[in-house]
């Protein structure tokens, strides 16, 4: 069921929608080397095949798990021959993050010469897993987890496609069954398609056993549950109730209502929700909604995650209950959350402002002669460990991103920051 055209591709509208970057690159045949970063089953390999097909390039699939540098060099030798005949080679490197830093160096000469166009696929952050020289020669495109609506379209197509799908079986699927599978696939099209195929096989076997193969065959919610080996949550068929309940849970924590938070926790646990998903959401709440009003909240949340991983269910429900009641009753502040978002917005607006000279690193004599580090005041040489020097770029002098609230531990932080500001000396531009 791998899509053979952009029109068949479902999802990733931010890259493939009309006027979007990847569609334009494909349609205008102006492809450059790419790193496709996204979760499993979101379409990375499929996109590479589509790019090669539409651009009329020679496509070479290469797995970082199965092959090494020797095979890479052989591919590059072949690409040189094809390049001489005017044929471009698209080298798709699956799991590119599996290569060591030194192995990735082998790509650089051929990419630099234009012998190959590399499309690397990775589930890991390329900033950490791909060497800087290679990363600078590639455009990183982030793929998103497929939404249930996109997966549902893929499933419907698989049911009706007679050439590659289940169309010859003349099967239908009930709406609750497709909705449930689309929601439970966790954004992974492969999981969804494999489960649909298993459900269809189970249904066929059952109907044949009863000698009713000629009758209309419809895949039910129970068939999908059997194939997926997971019961439906106590949520509605469209998945909306799932999001309603997690929303109610988070807002109960934020609203300091431990009773409501415990109730919604119980609803999710009883429905079979993954406790690790709930714990991850609570770790976010600990930073987003509590922050420095109670710095222990984040420690509690992370500790609860580790504790649950050690003991599991059913005893893990006790750990979950303890964390829920702690977070719900903790003082609340979103000052840190607002602060980082405002700082990010400023960076995107003002760009890479220069670091003030007095707080630059000066490891060499030349740097020192250029004024790096000149006038820096070591905080611990001053009373209260505070020198009062400006550390923001000059264009942002005096700008405040973090505004602690006046309650919880942030009241103490706010009082101290006010006192420090009163002690701060004006910045000397000469230092």
Protein backbone atom coordinates (compact mmCIF):
# COMPACT_ATOMS: atom_id res chain seq x y z
CA UNK A 1 0.00 0.00 0.00
CA UNK A 2 2.97 2.33 -0.29
CA UNK A 3 1.70 5.48 -2.09
CA UNK A 4 2.89 5.82 -5.69
CA UNK A 5 2.08 9.50 -6.10
CA UNK A 6 1.81 12.65 -4.01
CA UNK A 7 -1.96 12.50 -4.42
CA UNK A 8 -2.06 9.10 -2.70
CA UNK A 9 0.12 10.28 0.19
CA UNK A 10 -1.81 10.95 3.39
CA UNK A 11 -0.58 13.42 6.02
CA UNK A 12 2.42 15.78 6.28
CA UNK A 13 0.44 18.67 4.82
CA UNK A 14 2.94 21.14 6.27
CA UNK A 15 5.51 19.75 3.80
CA UNK A 16 3.39 18.50 0.90
CA UNK A 17 0.47 20.93 0.79
CA UNK A 18 0.10 23.34 -2.10
CA UNK A 19 2.97 25.82 -2.04
CA UNK A 20 4.82 23.94 0.72
CA UNK A 21 8.56 23.37 0.60
CA UNK A 22 8.81 19.67 -0.23
CA UNK A 23 6.05 19.75 -2.85
CA UNK A 24 7.75 22.69 -4.55
CA UNK A 25 11.12 20.93 -4.51
CA UNK A 26 9.57 17.83 -6.06
CA UNK A 27 7.44 19.63 -8.64
CA UNK A 28 10.26 21.92 -9.79
CA UNK A 29 12.88 19.14 -9.62
CA UNK A 30 15.13 21.27 -7.44
CA UNK A 31 15.84 18.57 -4.92
CA UNK A 32 18.68 18.99 -2.45
CA UNK A 33 20.03 16.53 0.09
CA UNK A 34 17.55 16.03 2.91
CA UNK A 35 17.29 14.62 6.41
CA UNK A 36 13.76 13.39 7.12
CA UNK A 37 13.24 13.36 10.88
CA UNK A 38 10.11 11.85 12.31
CA UNK A 39 8.54 8.99 14.29
CA UNK A 40 8.14 5.46 12.91
CA UNK A 41 5.46 4.88 10.28
CA UNK A 42 4.97 8.54 9.35
CA UNK A 43 6.11 8.19 5.72
CA UNK A 44 9.87 8.85 5.59
CA UNK A 45 10.73 5.91 3.31
CA UNK A 46 7.64 6.47 1.19
CA UNK A 47 8.58 10.09 0.61
CA UNK A 48 12.06 9.06 -0.50
CA UNK A 49 10.57 6.63 -3.07
CA UNK A 50 8.16 9.30 -4.32
CA UNK A 51 10.94 11.86 -4.65
CA UNK A 52 13.07 9.45 -6.68
CA UNK A 53 10.14 8.46 -8.92
CA UNK A 54 8.94 11.98 -9.64
CA UNK A 55 12.44 13.34 -10.20
CA UNK A 56 13.28 10.42 -12.56
CA UNK A 57 16.37 9.64 -10.56
CA UNK A 58 18.12 6.37 -9.89
CA UNK A 59 17.03 5.29 -6.42
CA UNK A 60 19.33 3.32 -4.13
CA UNK A 61 18.09 2.05 -0.78
CA UNK A 62 20.73 1.72 1.91
CA UNK A 63 20.24 0.56 5.48
CA UNK A 64 22.64 1.75 8.13
CA UNK A 65 21.78 -1.37 10.12
CA UNK A 66 22.71 -3.89 7.40
CA UNK A 67 25.60 -2.22 5.54
CA UNK A 68 28.79 -0.31 6.19
CA UNK A 69 31.36 2.06 4.68
CA UNK A 70 32.56 -0.53 2.12
CA UNK A 71 29.10 -0.68 0.54
CA UNK A 72 28.81 3.11 0.63
CA UNK A 73 32.00 3.51 -1.41
CA UNK A 74 30.77 0.99 -3.98
CA UNK A 75 27.52 2.93 -4.34
CA UNK A 76 29.46 6.14 -4.87
CA UNK A 77 31.61 4.52 -7.56
CA UNK A 78 28.48 3.42 -9.39
CA UNK A 79 26.92 6.86 -8.95
CA UNK A 80 29.95 8.43 -10.61
CA UNK A 81 29.34 6.29 -13.70
CA UNK A 82 25.66 7.17 -13.83
CA UNK A 83 26.45 10.85 -13.29
CA UNK A 84 28.69 10.78 -16.37
CA UNK A 85 25.60 9.64 -18.35
CA UNK A 86 23.48 12.43 -16.89
CA UNK A 87 21.57 10.25 -14.42
CA UNK A 88 21.21 11.52 -10.87
CA UNK A 89 21.41 9.06 -7.98
CA UNK A 90 19.18 9.46 -4.95
CA UNK A 91 20.70 7.55 -2.03
CA UNK A 92 18.16 6.83 0.68
CA UNK A 93 19.93 6.08 3.97
CA UNK A 94 17.53 4.50 6.41
CA UNK A 95 18.37 4.89 10.11
CA UNK A 96 21.21 7.29 9.28
CA UNK A 97 21.71 7.96 12.98
CA UNK A 98 22.99 4.38 13.33
CA UNK A 99 26.21 5.38 11.57
CA UNK A 100 29.06 6.50 13.79
CA UNK A 101 30.42 10.01 13.31
CA UNK A 102 33.47 8.68 11.48
CA UNK A 103 31.33 6.53 9.17
CA UNK A 104 29.22 9.55 8.26
CA UNK A 105 32.40 11.26 7.04
CA UNK A 106 32.35 8.86 4.08
CA UNK A 107 29.32 10.66 2.64
CA UNK A 108 30.92 14.09 2.48
CA UNK A 109 33.10 13.91 -0.69
CA UNK A 110 30.30 12.56 -2.92
CA UNK A 111 27.70 14.94 -1.54
CA UNK A 112 30.11 17.85 -2.01
CA UNK A 113 30.75 16.83 -5.65
CA UNK A 114 27.05 16.41 -6.34
CA UNK A 115 27.44 12.75 -7.30
CA UNK A 116 24.53 11.76 -5.05
CA UNK A 117 21.57 13.38 -3.43
CA UNK A 118 21.24 11.95 0.04
CA UNK A 119 17.91 11.48 1.75
CA UNK A 120 18.55 10.34 5.29
CA UNK A 121 15.77 9.05 7.51
CA UNK A 122 15.99 9.13 11.28
CA UNK A 123 13.80 8.87 14.32
CA UNK A 124 16.46 10.62 16.41
CA UNK A 125 17.23 14.34 16.65
CA UNK A 126 19.69 14.95 13.77
CA UNK A 127 21.31 17.81 15.69
CA UNK A 128 22.77 15.18 18.02
CA UNK A 129 23.12 12.18 15.71
CA UNK A 130 24.35 13.62 12.38
CA UNK A 131 27.80 15.22 12.06
CA UNK A 132 27.81 18.99 11.54
CA UNK A 133 29.53 18.97 8.10
CA UNK A 134 26.92 16.59 6.71
CA UNK A 135 24.06 18.35 8.45
CA UNK A 136 25.14 21.68 6.94
CA UNK A 137 24.85 20.16 3.46
CA UNK A 138 21.36 18.82 4.07
CA UNK A 139 18.00 20.42 4.66
CA UNK A 140 16.28 18.97 7.73
CA UNK A 141 12.55 18.37 7.29
CA UNK A 142 10.54 17.37 10.35
CA UNK A 143 7.73 14.89 9.77
CA UNK A 144 4.89 14.72 12.23
CA UNK A 145 3.11 11.73 13.72
CA UNK A 146 0.16 10.89 11.48
CA UNK A 147 -3.18 12.13 12.76
CA UNK A 148 -6.04 9.61 13.16
CA UNK A 149 -7.83 11.24 10.21
CA UNK A 150 -4.85 10.55 7.94
CA UNK A 151 -4.57 6.95 9.13
CA UNK A 152 -8.29 6.44 8.59
CA UNK A 153 -7.90 7.51 4.95
CA UNK A 154 -5.04 5.02 4.55
CA UNK A 155 -7.20 2.23 6.00
CA UNK A 156 -10.15 3.07 3.76
CA UNK A 157 -7.86 3.02 0.73
CA UNK A 158 -6.44 -0.36 1.76
CA UNK A 159 -9.95 -1.82 2.03
CA UNK A 160 -10.92 -0.81 -1.50
CA UNK A 161 -7.65 -1.16 -3.45
CA UNK A 162 -7.93 -4.37 -5.49
CA UNK A 163 -4.35 -4.35 -6.77
CA UNK A 164 -2.34 -3.90 -3.57
CA UNK A 165 -4.90 -3.92 -0.78
CA UNK A 166 -7.86 -5.98 0.41
CA UNK A 167 -10.25 -4.89 -2.31
CA UNK A 168 -10.61 -8.35 -3.89
CA UNK A 169 -11.95 -9.69 -0.59
CA UNK A 170 -14.95 -7.34 -0.84
CA UNK A 171 -14.70 -6.46 2.83
CA UNK A 172 -16.22 -3.50 4.60
CA UNK A 173 -15.41 -2.12 8.03
CA UNK A 174 -17.73 -0.65 10.58
CA UNK A 175 -17.15 2.98 11.48
CA UNK A 176 -16.30 2.27 15.16
CA UNK A 177 -13.73 -0.31 14.06
CA UNK A 178 -11.88 2.08 11.76
CA UNK A 179 -12.07 4.93 14.25
CA UNK A 180 -10.70 2.75 17.03
CA UNK A 181 -7.83 1.42 14.91
CA UNK A 182 -6.94 4.88 13.60
CA UNK A 183 -6.76 6.16 17.18
CA UNK A 184 -4.82 3.21 18.58
CA UNK A 185 -2.17 3.08 15.85
CA UNK A 186 -0.19 5.80 17.65
CA UNK A 187 0.41 7.71 14.42
CA UNK A 188 2.09 4.72 12.75
CA UNK A 189 0.59 3.71 9.38
CA UNK A 190 2.41 0.37 9.41
CA UNK A 191 0.78 -0.66 12.68
CA UNK A 192 -2.62 0.32 11.31
CA UNK A 193 -2.22 -1.58 8.03
CA UNK A 194 -0.76 -4.68 9.65
CA UNK A 195 -3.60 -4.77 12.18
CA UNK A 196 -6.21 -4.35 9.44
CA UNK A 197 -4.67 -7.23 7.51
CA UNK A 198 -4.70 -9.49 10.58
CA UNK A 199 -8.33 -8.56 11.32
CA UNK A 200 -9.31 -9.33 7.73
CA UNK A 201 -7.56 -12.71 7.90
CA UNK A 202 -9.30 -13.58 11.18
CA UNK A 203 -12.64 -12.59 9.73
CA UNK A 204 -12.07 -14.61 6.56
CA UNK A 205 -11.07 -17.68 8.57
CA UNK A 206 -14.13 -17.40 10.80
CA UNK A 207 -16.53 -16.91 7.88
CA UNK A 208 -15.01 -19.80 5.91
CA UNK A 209 -15.26 -22.05 8.93
CA UNK A 210 -18.98 -21.28 9.09
CA UNK A 211 -19.30 -21.70 5.29
CA UNK A 212 -20.57 -18.14 4.90
CA UNK A 213 -17.82 -16.78 2.69
CA UNK A 214 -20.29 -15.46 0.15
CA UNK A 215 -22.09 -13.22 2.60
CA UNK A 216 -21.25 -9.57 3.18
CA UNK A 217 -18.26 -9.41 5.47
CA UNK A 218 -17.78 -6.44 7.73
CA UNK A 219 -14.86 -5.93 10.09
CA UNK A 220 -16.21 -5.06 13.52
CA UNK A 221 -14.73 -3.32 16.53
CA UNK A 222 -14.35 -6.74 18.14
CA UNK A 223 -12.33 -7.98 15.15
CA UNK A 224 -9.95 -5.03 15.45
CA UNK A 225 -9.64 -5.53 19.21
CA UNK A 226 -8.75 -9.18 18.67
CA UNK A 227 -6.17 -8.30 16.01
CA UNK A 228 -4.68 -5.49 18.07
CA UNK A 229 -5.00 -7.40 21.35
CA UNK A 230 -6.25 -4.26 23.03
CA UNK A 231 -9.73 -3.40 24.23
CA UNK A 232 -11.39 -0.15 23.32
CA UNK A 233 -11.01 2.61 25.86
CA UNK A 234 -14.14 4.03 27.37
CA UNK A 235 -13.98 6.83 24.86
CA UNK A 236 -16.28 7.64 21.97
CA UNK A 237 -15.81 6.24 18.50
CA UNK A 238 -14.10 9.34 17.13
CA UNK A 239 -11.53 9.49 19.90
CA UNK A 240 -12.81 12.87 21.05
CA UNK A 241 -13.62 11.63 24.54
CA UNK A 242 -10.03 10.45 24.97
CA UNK A 243 -8.82 14.00 24.51
CA UNK A 244 -11.68 15.38 26.58
CA UNK A 245 -10.70 13.23 29.56
CA UNK A 246 -6.98 13.98 29.44
CA UNK A 247 -7.92 17.66 29.10
CA UNK A 248 -10.19 17.40 32.13
CA UNK A 249 -7.41 15.67 34.07
CA UNK A 250 -4.80 18.33 33.29
CA UNK A 251 -7.20 21.19 34.01
CA UNK A 252 -8.11 19.60 37.34
CA UNK A 253 -4.42 19.50 38.28
CA UNK A 254 -3.97 23.09 37.12
CA UNK A 255 -7.12 24.11 38.97
CA UNK A 256 -5.87 22.62 42.28
CA UNK A 257 -8.74 20.12 42.52
CA UNK A 258 -7.24 16.83 43.77
CA UNK A 259 -10.61 15.06 43.93
CA UNK A 260 -11.45 15.74 40.29
CA UNK A 261 -7.90 14.90 39.24
CA UNK A 262 -8.11 11.52 41.01
CA UNK A 263 -11.47 10.82 39.37
CA UNK A 264 -10.18 11.50 35.84
CA UNK A 265 -7.05 9.48 36.61
CA UNK A 266 -9.25 6.55 37.65
CA UNK A 267 -11.32 6.91 34.46
CA UNK A 268 -8.20 6.67 32.32
CA UNK A 269 -6.70 3.75 34.23
CA UNK A 270 -9.95 1.80 34.16
CA UNK A 271 -10.24 2.42 30.41
CA UNK A 272 -6.78 0.97 29.85
CA UNK A 273 -4.84 4.16 29.12
CA UNK A 274 -1.06 3.78 29.15
CA UNK A 275 0.10 4.95 32.62
CA UNK A 276 3.38 6.17 31.10
CA UNK A 277 1.41 8.54 28.88
CA UNK A 278 -0.33 9.91 31.99
CA UNK A 279 3.00 10.28 33.80
CA UNK A 280 4.56 12.13 30.88
CA UNK A 281 1.65 14.56 30.92
CA UNK A 282 2.14 15.13 34.65
CA UNK A 283 5.84 15.86 34.16
CA UNK A 284 4.80 18.57 31.73
CA UNK A 285 2.30 19.96 34.25
CA UNK A 286 5.02 20.06 36.90
CA UNK A 287 7.02 22.50 34.77
CA UNK A 288 4.30 24.28 32.82
CA UNK A 289 1.76 24.93 35.57
CA UNK A 290 3.74 24.70 38.83
CA UNK A 291 7.28 25.61 37.90
CA UNK A 292 9.29 27.38 40.57
CA UNK A 293 6.25 27.99 42.73
CA UNK A 294 7.20 24.52 43.99
CA UNK A 295 10.47 23.28 42.42
CA UNK A 296 9.99 19.91 44.11
CA UNK A 297 7.04 19.15 41.82
CA UNK A 298 9.29 18.28 38.88
CA UNK A 299 11.48 16.10 41.10
CA UNK A 300 8.36 14.32 42.37
CA UNK A 301 7.06 13.77 38.83
CA UNK A 302 10.33 12.32 37.53
CA UNK A 303 10.72 10.16 40.64
CA UNK A 304 7.17 8.87 40.17
CA UNK A 305 8.01 7.91 36.59
CA UNK A 306 11.08 5.97 37.71
CA UNK A 307 9.15 4.34 40.54
CA UNK A 308 6.35 3.25 38.22
CA UNK A 309 8.84 1.78 35.75
CA UNK A 310 10.25 -0.34 38.57
CA UNK A 311 6.99 -1.61 40.08
CA UNK A 312 4.39 -1.39 37.28
CA UNK A 313 0.71 -2.04 37.80
CA UNK A 314 -1.35 -2.63 39.86
CA UNK A 315 0.77 -1.19 42.69
CA UNK A 316 1.86 1.65 40.43
CA UNK A 317 -1.62 3.18 40.79
CA UNK A 318 -0.57 4.22 44.31
CA UNK A 319 2.41 6.15 42.98
CA UNK A 320 0.19 7.78 40.38
CA UNK A 321 -2.32 8.75 43.06
CA UNK A 322 0.39 10.26 45.25
CA UNK A 323 1.77 12.35 42.40
CA UNK A 324 -1.69 13.51 41.33
CA UNK A 325 -2.56 14.76 44.80
CA UNK A 326 0.82 16.47 45.18
CA UNK A 327 0.59 18.31 41.87
CA UNK A 328 -3.03 19.27 42.39
CA UNK A 329 -2.36 20.82 45.81
CA UNK A 330 0.95 22.52 44.91
CA UNK A 331 1.09 26.32 44.38
CA UNK A 332 0.88 27.20 40.70
CA UNK A 333 2.98 29.39 38.41
CA UNK A 334 3.50 29.43 34.66
CA UNK A 335 6.24 32.07 34.82
CA UNK A 336 8.98 29.72 33.60
CA UNK A 337 6.76 28.53 30.73
CA UNK A 338 6.01 32.10 29.67
CA UNK A 339 9.66 33.08 30.12
CA UNK A 340 11.14 30.50 27.75
CA UNK A 341 8.48 31.20 25.10
CA UNK A 342 9.16 34.93 25.26
CA UNK A 343 12.91 34.32 25.05
CA UNK A 344 12.44 32.08 22.01
CA UNK A 345 10.24 34.70 20.37
CA UNK A 346 12.93 37.33 20.97
CA UNK A 347 15.65 35.12 19.48
CA UNK A 348 13.54 34.48 16.37
CA UNK A 349 12.89 38.21 16.03
CA UNK A 350 16.32 39.65 16.76
CA UNK A 351 18.53 36.80 15.55
CA UNK A 352 22.03 36.01 16.75
CA UNK A 353 22.95 39.13 18.69
CA UNK A 354 26.64 39.35 19.62
CA UNK A 355 27.77 38.15 23.03
CA UNK A 356 29.03 41.09 25.14
CA UNK A 357 32.83 41.10 25.15
CA UNK A 358 33.21 40.96 28.93
CA UNK A 359 31.45 37.56 29.20
CA UNK A 360 33.09 35.94 26.18
CA UNK A 361 35.47 33.03 26.61
CA UNK A 362 39.14 33.97 26.12
CA UNK A 363 41.24 30.79 25.87
CA UNK A 364 43.92 32.31 23.58
CA UNK A 365 46.18 35.36 23.74
CA UNK A 366 44.67 36.76 20.53
CA UNK A 367 41.19 36.63 22.02
CA UNK A 368 42.40 38.42 25.14
CA UNK A 369 44.05 41.10 22.99
CA UNK A 370 40.74 41.54 21.18
CA UNK A 371 39.05 42.31 24.49
CA UNK A 372 37.41 38.97 25.12
CA UNK A 373 36.69 38.62 28.84
CA UNK A 374 38.02 42.09 29.65
CA UNK A 375 36.27 43.59 32.64
CA UNK A 376 34.50 40.39 33.64
CA UNK A 377 33.68 40.42 37.35
CA UNK A 378 33.75 37.03 39.06
CA UNK A 379 30.50 36.79 41.01
CA UNK A 380 32.04 34.98 43.97
CA UNK A 381 34.46 37.84 44.57
CA UNK A 382 31.52 40.05 45.54
CA UNK A 383 29.23 40.22 48.53
CA UNK A 384 26.26 37.85 48.25
CA UNK A 385 27.97 36.27 45.22
CA UNK A 386 26.56 38.95 42.92
CA UNK A 387 28.51 41.31 40.67
CA UNK A 388 25.54 42.92 38.92
CA UNK A 389 27.06 42.86 35.44
CA UNK A 390 24.93 42.82 32.33
CA UNK A 391 24.84 39.42 30.64
CA UNK A 392 22.28 40.06 27.90
CA UNK A 393 23.31 41.42 24.50
CA UNK A 394 23.49 45.22 24.52
CA UNK A 395 20.35 45.54 22.37
CA UNK A 396 18.37 43.67 25.02
CA UNK A 397 19.80 45.36 28.11
CA UNK A 398 17.20 45.42 30.85
CA UNK A 399 14.83 43.03 29.08
CA UNK A 400 12.96 40.67 31.45
CA UNK A 401 11.69 37.28 30.37
CA UNK A 402 11.11 35.65 33.75
CA UNK A 403 8.57 37.29 36.03
CA UNK A 404 8.11 35.10 39.14
CA UNK A 405 4.68 35.14 40.74
CA UNK A 406 4.11 36.39 44.27
CA UNK A 407 3.19 33.07 45.85
CA UNK A 408 4.76 29.72 46.69
CA UNK A 409 8.54 29.51 46.48
CA UNK A 410 8.44 32.07 43.68
CA UNK A 411 7.61 34.72 46.26
CA UNK A 412 11.10 34.17 47.71
CA UNK A 413 12.58 34.19 44.20
CA UNK A 414 10.74 37.42 43.38
CA UNK A 415 11.93 39.11 46.57
CA UNK A 416 15.52 38.10 45.89
CA UNK A 417 15.41 39.24 42.26
CA UNK A 418 14.02 42.61 43.31
CA UNK A 419 16.81 42.99 45.84
CA UNK A 420 19.45 41.98 43.27
CA UNK A 421 18.06 44.50 40.77
CA UNK A 422 18.34 47.22 43.39
CA UNK A 423 22.01 46.26 43.85
CA UNK A 424 22.81 46.06 40.14
CA UNK A 425 25.45 48.49 38.85
CA UNK A 426 24.98 50.22 35.50
CA UNK A 427 26.77 48.42 32.66
CA UNK A 428 30.04 50.00 31.65
CA UNK A 429 30.28 49.85 27.84
CA UNK A 430 34.09 49.89 28.09
CA UNK A 431 34.07 46.53 29.87
